[in-house]
Amino acid sequence: MKSIRYHRNNLAKHGIDVFEAEEALYDGWKRKRRDGDFYEILGRTGDGRYLQLVVEIRSDEIWVFHGRDMNTTEKRRYQRK
């Protein structure tokens, strides 16, 4: 199992704590982005907050380096999953 690292400062800029990011990560589904091994994760926290995370899948870890609240389009896409 890979370890998960979080860019706490970037997440905090959007009012996201590590616990919320972890909940969304485990709830979410991923979509590969165009460049490299970056993935967009759309997930929901236990409190009902909809988050969009961007992660890089590395050989030894998952690096969560960006997060924010989902926009309306992303929420619709998440709800159709």
C-alpha atoms as a PDB file:
ATOM      1  CA  MET A   1       0.000   0.000   0.000  1.00  0.00           C
ATOM      2  CA  LYS A   2       1.301   3.441  -0.914  1.00  0.00           C
ATOM      3  CA  SER A   3       1.664   6.167   1.651  1.00  0.00           C
ATOM      4  CA  ILE A   4      -0.225   9.428   1.201  1.00  0.00           C
ATOM      5  CA  ARG A   5       1.437  12.838   1.542  1.00  0.00           C
ATOM      6  CA  TYR A   6      -0.431  16.124   1.676  1.00  0.00           C
ATOM      7  CA  HIS A   7       0.651  19.633   0.742  1.00  0.00           C
ATOM      8  CA  ARG A   8      -0.903  21.078   3.898  1.00  0.00           C
ATOM      9  CA  ASN A   9      -0.277  24.729   2.979  1.00  0.00           C
ATOM     10  CA  ASN A  10      -2.006  24.478  -0.402  1.00  0.00           C
ATOM     11  CA  LEU A  11      -4.967  22.657   1.125  1.00  0.00           C
ATOM     12  CA  ALA A  12      -5.198  25.180   3.969  1.00  0.00           C
ATOM     13  CA  LYS A  13      -5.414  28.059   1.462  1.00  0.00           C
ATOM     14  CA  HIS A  14      -8.788  26.613   0.458  1.00  0.00           C
ATOM     15  CA  GLY A  15      -9.878  25.815   4.004  1.00  0.00           C
ATOM     16  CA  ILE A  16      -9.316  22.066   3.652  1.00  0.00           C
ATOM     17  CA  ASP A  17      -7.736  20.049   6.443  1.00  0.00           C
ATOM     18  CA  VAL A  18      -5.979  16.722   5.941  1.00  0.00           C
ATOM     19  CA  PHE A  19      -8.871  14.737   7.438  1.00  0.00           C
ATOM     20  CA  GLU A  20     -11.313  16.225   4.892  1.00  0.00           C
ATOM     21  CA  ALA A  21      -8.895  15.562   2.030  1.00  0.00           C
ATOM     22  CA  GLU A  22      -8.515  11.951   3.159  1.00  0.00           C
ATOM     23  CA  GLU A  23     -12.291  11.454   3.341  1.00  0.00           C
ATOM     24  CA  ALA A  24     -12.752  12.852  -0.172  1.00  0.00           C
ATOM     25  CA  LEU A  25      -9.846  10.788  -1.473  1.00  0.00           C
ATOM     26  CA  TYR A  26     -11.325   7.519  -0.227  1.00  0.00           C
ATOM     27  CA  ASP A  27     -14.867   8.440  -1.321  1.00  0.00           C
ATOM     28  CA  GLY A  28     -13.893   9.845  -4.687  1.00  0.00           C
ATOM     29  CA  TRP A  29     -13.330   8.644  -8.166  1.00  0.00           C
ATOM     30  CA  LYS A  30     -10.427   9.623 -10.343  1.00  0.00           C
ATOM     31  CA  ARG A  31      -9.892  10.845 -13.822  1.00  0.00           C
ATOM     32  CA  LYS A  32      -6.482  10.978 -15.476  1.00  0.00           C
ATOM     33  CA  ARG A  33      -5.327  14.408 -16.495  1.00  0.00           C
ATOM     34  CA  ARG A  34      -3.438  15.096 -19.669  1.00  0.00           C
ATOM     35  CA  ASP A  35       0.063  15.618 -18.296  1.00  0.00           C
ATOM     36  CA  GLY A  36       2.090  12.986 -16.488  1.00  0.00           C
ATOM     37  CA  ASP A  37       0.649  10.915 -13.685  1.00  0.00           C
ATOM     38  CA  PHE A  38      -1.708  13.573 -12.353  1.00  0.00           C
ATOM     39  CA  TYR A  39      -5.260  12.672 -11.435  1.00  0.00           C
ATOM     40  CA  GLU A  40      -8.309  14.703 -10.571  1.00  0.00           C
ATOM     41  CA  ILE A  41     -10.243  13.221  -7.660  1.00  0.00           C
ATOM     42  CA  LEU A  42     -13.842  14.270  -7.042  1.00  0.00           C
ATOM     43  CA  GLY A  43     -15.030  13.226  -3.611  1.00  0.00           C
ATOM     44  CA  ARG A  44     -17.291  14.102  -0.730  1.00  0.00           C
ATOM     45  CA  THR A  45     -16.466  14.425   2.954  1.00  0.00           C
ATOM     46  CA  GLY A  46     -18.518  12.881   5.751  1.00  0.00           C
ATOM     47  CA  ASP A  47     -19.992  16.338   6.435  1.00  0.00           C
ATOM     48  CA  GLY A  48     -21.175  16.617   2.827  1.00  0.00           C
ATOM     49  CA  ARG A  49     -18.517  18.964   1.468  1.00  0.00           C
ATOM     50  CA  TYR A  50     -17.719  18.362  -2.215  1.00  0.00           C
ATOM     51  CA  LEU A  51     -13.978  18.545  -2.922  1.00  0.00           C
ATOM     52  CA  GLN A  52     -11.826  18.421  -6.006  1.00  0.00           C
ATOM     53  CA  LEU A  53      -8.294  17.156  -5.341  1.00  0.00           C
ATOM     54  CA  VAL A  54      -5.344  16.893  -7.692  1.00  0.00           C
ATOM     55  CA  VAL A  55      -2.880  14.130  -6.914  1.00  0.00           C
ATOM     56  CA  GLU A  56       0.262  12.688  -8.408  1.00  0.00           C
ATOM     57  CA  ILE A  57       0.655   8.919  -8.300  1.00  0.00           C
ATOM     58  CA  ARG A  58       4.318   8.203  -7.601  1.00  0.00           C
ATOM     59  CA  SER A  59       6.027   4.830  -7.338  1.00  0.00           C
ATOM     60  CA  ASP A  60       6.080   4.905  -3.530  1.00  0.00           C
ATOM     61  CA  GLU A  61       3.364   7.404  -2.568  1.00  0.00           C
ATOM     62  CA  ILE A  62       0.320   9.426  -3.497  1.00  0.00           C
ATOM     63  CA  TRP A  63       1.033  13.170  -3.360  1.00  0.00           C
ATOM     64  CA  VAL A  64      -2.089  15.314  -2.751  1.00  0.00           C
ATOM     65  CA  PHE A  65      -0.868  18.756  -3.762  1.00  0.00           C
ATOM     66  CA  HIS A  66      -4.047  20.706  -4.551  1.00  0.00           C
ATOM     67  CA  GLY A  67      -7.623  20.859  -3.318  1.00  0.00           C
ATOM     68  CA  ARG A  68     -10.646  23.127  -3.503  1.00  0.00           C
ATOM     69  CA  ASP A  69     -14.435  23.043  -3.361  1.00  0.00           C
ATOM     70  CA  MET A  70     -16.034  21.597  -6.501  1.00  0.00           C
ATOM     71  CA  ASN A  71     -17.726  23.936  -8.926  1.00  0.00           C
ATOM     72  CA  THR A  72     -21.270  23.276 -10.198  1.00  0.00           C
ATOM     73  CA  THR A  73     -20.127  21.277 -13.243  1.00  0.00           C
ATOM     74  CA  GLU A  74     -17.885  19.027 -11.148  1.00  0.00           C
ATOM     75  CA  LYS A  75     -20.706  18.407  -8.643  1.00  0.00           C
ATOM     76  CA  ARG A  76     -23.005  17.280 -11.464  1.00  0.00           C
ATOM     77  CA  ARG A  77     -20.283  15.010 -12.834  1.00  0.00           C
ATOM     78  CA  TYR A  78     -19.635  13.566  -9.369  1.00  0.00           C
ATOM     79  CA  GLN A  79     -23.331  12.939  -8.749  1.00  0.00           C
ATOM     80  CA  ARG A  80     -23.634  11.028 -12.046  1.00  0.00           C
ATOM     81  CA  LYS A  81     -20.772   8.652 -11.214  1.00  0.00           C
END
